[in-house]
Each structure stands twice: as structure tokens, then as C-alpha cells.
Amino acid sequence: MRIKDPEIIQVWVLSTVHLRQETVRKLEGTDTEWTSYDYEEGMWVYVPQKLEEFAVELQAVGEELFELMRTAIGLGVKYIQFDCDGPQHEELPQYEWD
């Protein structure tokens, strides 16, 4: 089957180690324009393209999340998938979890 002009999005997959545990707790069950969707091993987070409109709200959830979203916009992605088995990047901060 051939589909005419499918819209394909890119997703940035990261380890959950790049988020503070407190940030993940705050994200669980959020309902905003940058909503997160939880699953057993992690979560998907929508990256709003007008990030500055949500800067105060996002920074209250977690400064590291805001900075990762800023980087994601530069990479041209619409979602970040935080997964417990996702890739860890030494260039990014990493946080200890309980």
C-alpha cells in the first residue's frame, strides 16, 4: 500500500536518568499542552514548539526538563521518550534515583 504524504515525526529517546525523580513524580498525570503519557518503563512528553510560553510552568516542574525540551526543539523533535532502558548521554546531566 502506498500512502500519499504521510506525516512522520521524530522522537528523541533518552534514559530516565536524565530527569530528577521529583520531576517525574510531578509529571505523572499532568494535563497541559505539553502533557506527558506514562507507561510502565517511562513516559512520553510532548515538546511545545513555543516553549517560552510555558517556561515558568515547566521550570516549576523541573529545570532539567525545560533544558531538555529546549535541546529537543533544536533537534527538531516533537516528543521526548524517557525510558528506563533508553540511551544515556554523557553530555547531559544524570541524576540518582531512590
C-alpha atoms as a PDB file:
ATOM      1  CA  MET A   1       0.000   0.000   0.000  1.00  0.00           C
ATOM      2  CA  ARG A   2       1.234   3.461  -0.786  1.00  0.00           C
ATOM      3  CA  ILE A   3       0.278   6.418   1.392  1.00  0.00           C
ATOM      4  CA  LYS A   4       0.429   9.898  -0.055  1.00  0.00           C
ATOM      5  CA  ASP A   5       2.404  12.414   2.049  1.00  0.00           C
ATOM      6  CA  PRO A   6       2.411  10.703   5.451  1.00  0.00           C
ATOM      7  CA  GLU A   7       3.391  12.944   8.359  1.00  0.00           C
ATOM      8  CA  ILE A   8       6.351  11.390  10.147  1.00  0.00           C
ATOM      9  CA  ILE A   9       7.631  12.776  13.434  1.00  0.00           C
ATOM     10  CA  GLN A  10      10.964  12.291  15.135  1.00  0.00           C
ATOM     11  CA  VAL A  11      11.216  11.210  18.757  1.00  0.00           C
ATOM     12  CA  TRP A  12      14.251  11.718  20.989  1.00  0.00           C
ATOM     13  CA  VAL A  13      14.712   8.659  23.197  1.00  0.00           C
ATOM     14  CA  LEU A  14      16.526   9.295  26.491  1.00  0.00           C
ATOM     15  CA  SER A  15      17.125   7.409  29.688  1.00  0.00           C
ATOM     16  CA  THR A  16      15.009   8.485  32.635  1.00  0.00           C
ATOM     17  CA  VAL A  17      18.344   9.074  34.412  1.00  0.00           C
ATOM     18  CA  HIS A  18      18.356  12.496  32.704  1.00  0.00           C
ATOM     19  CA  LEU A  19      15.373  13.571  34.836  1.00  0.00           C
ATOM     20  CA  ARG A  20      15.199  14.015  38.584  1.00  0.00           C
ATOM     21  CA  GLN A  21      12.885  11.549  40.286  1.00  0.00           C
ATOM     22  CA  GLU A  22      10.955  14.507  41.724  1.00  0.00           C
ATOM     23  CA  THR A  23      10.393  15.848  38.196  1.00  0.00           C
ATOM     24  CA  VAL A  24       8.954  12.509  37.075  1.00  0.00           C
ATOM     25  CA  ARG A  25       6.599  12.486  40.069  1.00  0.00           C
ATOM     26  CA  LYS A  26       5.375  15.974  39.139  1.00  0.00           C
ATOM     27  CA  LEU A  27       4.872  14.918  35.510  1.00  0.00           C
ATOM     28  CA  GLU A  28       2.753  11.865  36.293  1.00  0.00           C
ATOM     29  CA  GLY A  29      -0.831  12.634  35.445  1.00  0.00           C
ATOM     30  CA  THR A  30      -0.259  16.171  34.148  1.00  0.00           C
ATOM     31  CA  ASP A  31      -2.795  17.583  31.724  1.00  0.00           C
ATOM     32  CA  THR A  32      -1.316  20.559  29.896  1.00  0.00           C
ATOM     33  CA  GLU A  33      -0.304  21.415  26.346  1.00  0.00           C
ATOM     34  CA  TRP A  34       2.961  19.583  26.973  1.00  0.00           C
ATOM     35  CA  THR A  35       1.219  16.599  28.530  1.00  0.00           C
ATOM     36  CA  SER A  36       3.162  13.510  29.443  1.00  0.00           C
ATOM     37  CA  TYR A  37       1.935   9.987  28.827  1.00  0.00           C
ATOM     38  CA  ASP A  38       3.161   7.404  31.301  1.00  0.00           C
ATOM     39  CA  TYR A  39       3.875   3.771  30.543  1.00  0.00           C
ATOM     40  CA  GLU A  40       5.466   1.065  32.668  1.00  0.00           C
ATOM     41  CA  GLU A  41       9.100   1.819  31.774  1.00  0.00           C
ATOM     42  CA  GLY A  42       8.889   5.585  31.356  1.00  0.00           C
ATOM     43  CA  MET A  43       6.926   8.343  29.704  1.00  0.00           C
ATOM     44  CA  TRP A  44       6.421  10.307  26.521  1.00  0.00           C
ATOM     45  CA  VAL A  45       6.500  14.086  26.771  1.00  0.00           C
ATOM     46  CA  TYR A  46       5.206  16.415  24.070  1.00  0.00           C
ATOM     47  CA  VAL A  47       7.605  19.273  23.292  1.00  0.00           C
ATOM     48  CA  PRO A  48       5.692  22.514  22.694  1.00  0.00           C
ATOM     49  CA  GLN A  49       7.286  24.449  19.856  1.00  0.00           C
ATOM     50  CA  LYS A  50       6.519  27.765  21.589  1.00  0.00           C
ATOM     51  CA  LEU A  51       8.453  26.710  24.662  1.00  0.00           C
ATOM     52  CA  GLU A  52       8.825  30.181  26.143  1.00  0.00           C
ATOM     53  CA  GLU A  53       5.044  30.373  26.632  1.00  0.00           C
ATOM     54  CA  PHE A  54       5.353  27.532  29.142  1.00  0.00           C
ATOM     55  CA  ALA A  55       8.732  28.450  30.642  1.00  0.00           C
ATOM     56  CA  VAL A  56       7.514  29.315  34.147  1.00  0.00           C
ATOM     57  CA  GLU A  57       5.267  26.252  34.378  1.00  0.00           C
ATOM     58  CA  LEU A  58       7.914  23.889  33.011  1.00  0.00           C
ATOM     59  CA  GLN A  59      10.681  25.234  35.224  1.00  0.00           C
ATOM     60  CA  ALA A  60       8.405  24.704  38.242  1.00  0.00           C
ATOM     61  CA  VAL A  61       8.138  21.033  37.254  1.00  0.00           C
ATOM     62  CA  GLY A  62      11.868  20.673  36.637  1.00  0.00           C
ATOM     63  CA  GLU A  63      14.582  22.934  35.266  1.00  0.00           C
ATOM     64  CA  GLU A  64      16.266  19.927  33.643  1.00  0.00           C
ATOM     65  CA  LEU A  65      13.046  19.099  31.753  1.00  0.00           C
ATOM     66  CA  PHE A  66      12.879  22.650  30.420  1.00  0.00           C
ATOM     67  CA  GLU A  67      16.510  22.467  29.236  1.00  0.00           C
ATOM     68  CA  LEU A  68      15.949  19.060  27.604  1.00  0.00           C
ATOM     69  CA  MET A  69      12.909  20.439  25.783  1.00  0.00           C
ATOM     70  CA  ARG A  70      14.946  23.402  24.575  1.00  0.00           C
ATOM     71  CA  THR A  71      17.527  20.956  23.200  1.00  0.00           C
ATOM     72  CA  ALA A  72      14.760  18.834  21.643  1.00  0.00           C
ATOM     73  CA  ILE A  73      13.440  21.841  19.742  1.00  0.00           C
ATOM     74  CA  GLY A  74      16.934  22.410  18.358  1.00  0.00           C
ATOM     75  CA  LEU A  75      16.971  18.768  17.238  1.00  0.00           C
ATOM     76  CA  GLY A  76      13.601  19.181  15.516  1.00  0.00           C
ATOM     77  CA  VAL A  77      11.698  16.602  17.568  1.00  0.00           C
ATOM     78  CA  LYS A  78       8.111  16.800  18.823  1.00  0.00           C
ATOM     79  CA  TYR A  79       8.331  14.195  21.582  1.00  0.00           C
ATOM     80  CA  ILE A  80      10.874  13.000  24.099  1.00  0.00           C
ATOM     81  CA  GLN A  81      10.529   9.402  25.175  1.00  0.00           C
ATOM     82  CA  PHE A  82      12.068   8.936  28.609  1.00  0.00           C
ATOM     83  CA  ASP A  83      12.659   5.219  29.091  1.00  0.00           C
ATOM     84  CA  CYS A  84      14.409   3.424  31.960  1.00  0.00           C
ATOM     85  CA  ASP A  85      16.427   1.486  29.340  1.00  0.00           C
ATOM     86  CA  GLY A  86      16.881   4.442  26.987  1.00  0.00           C
ATOM     87  CA  PRO A  87      20.275   5.778  25.953  1.00  0.00           C
ATOM     88  CA  GLN A  88      22.314   7.768  28.439  1.00  0.00           C
ATOM     89  CA  HIS A  89      24.311  10.692  27.103  1.00  0.00           C
ATOM     90  CA  GLU A  90      27.407  11.792  28.983  1.00  0.00           C
ATOM     91  CA  GLU A  91      26.901  15.343  27.667  1.00  0.00           C
ATOM     92  CA  LEU A  92      23.671  15.615  29.676  1.00  0.00           C
ATOM     93  CA  PRO A  93      23.253  15.780  33.455  1.00  0.00           C
ATOM     94  CA  GLN A  94      22.377  12.479  35.138  1.00  0.00           C
ATOM     95  CA  TYR A  95      20.533  12.115  38.429  1.00  0.00           C
ATOM     96  CA  GLU A  96      20.468   9.439  41.134  1.00  0.00           C
ATOM     97  CA  TRP A  97      17.127   7.798  41.857  1.00  0.00           C
ATOM     98  CA  ASP A  98      15.966   6.079  45.063  1.00  0.00           C
END
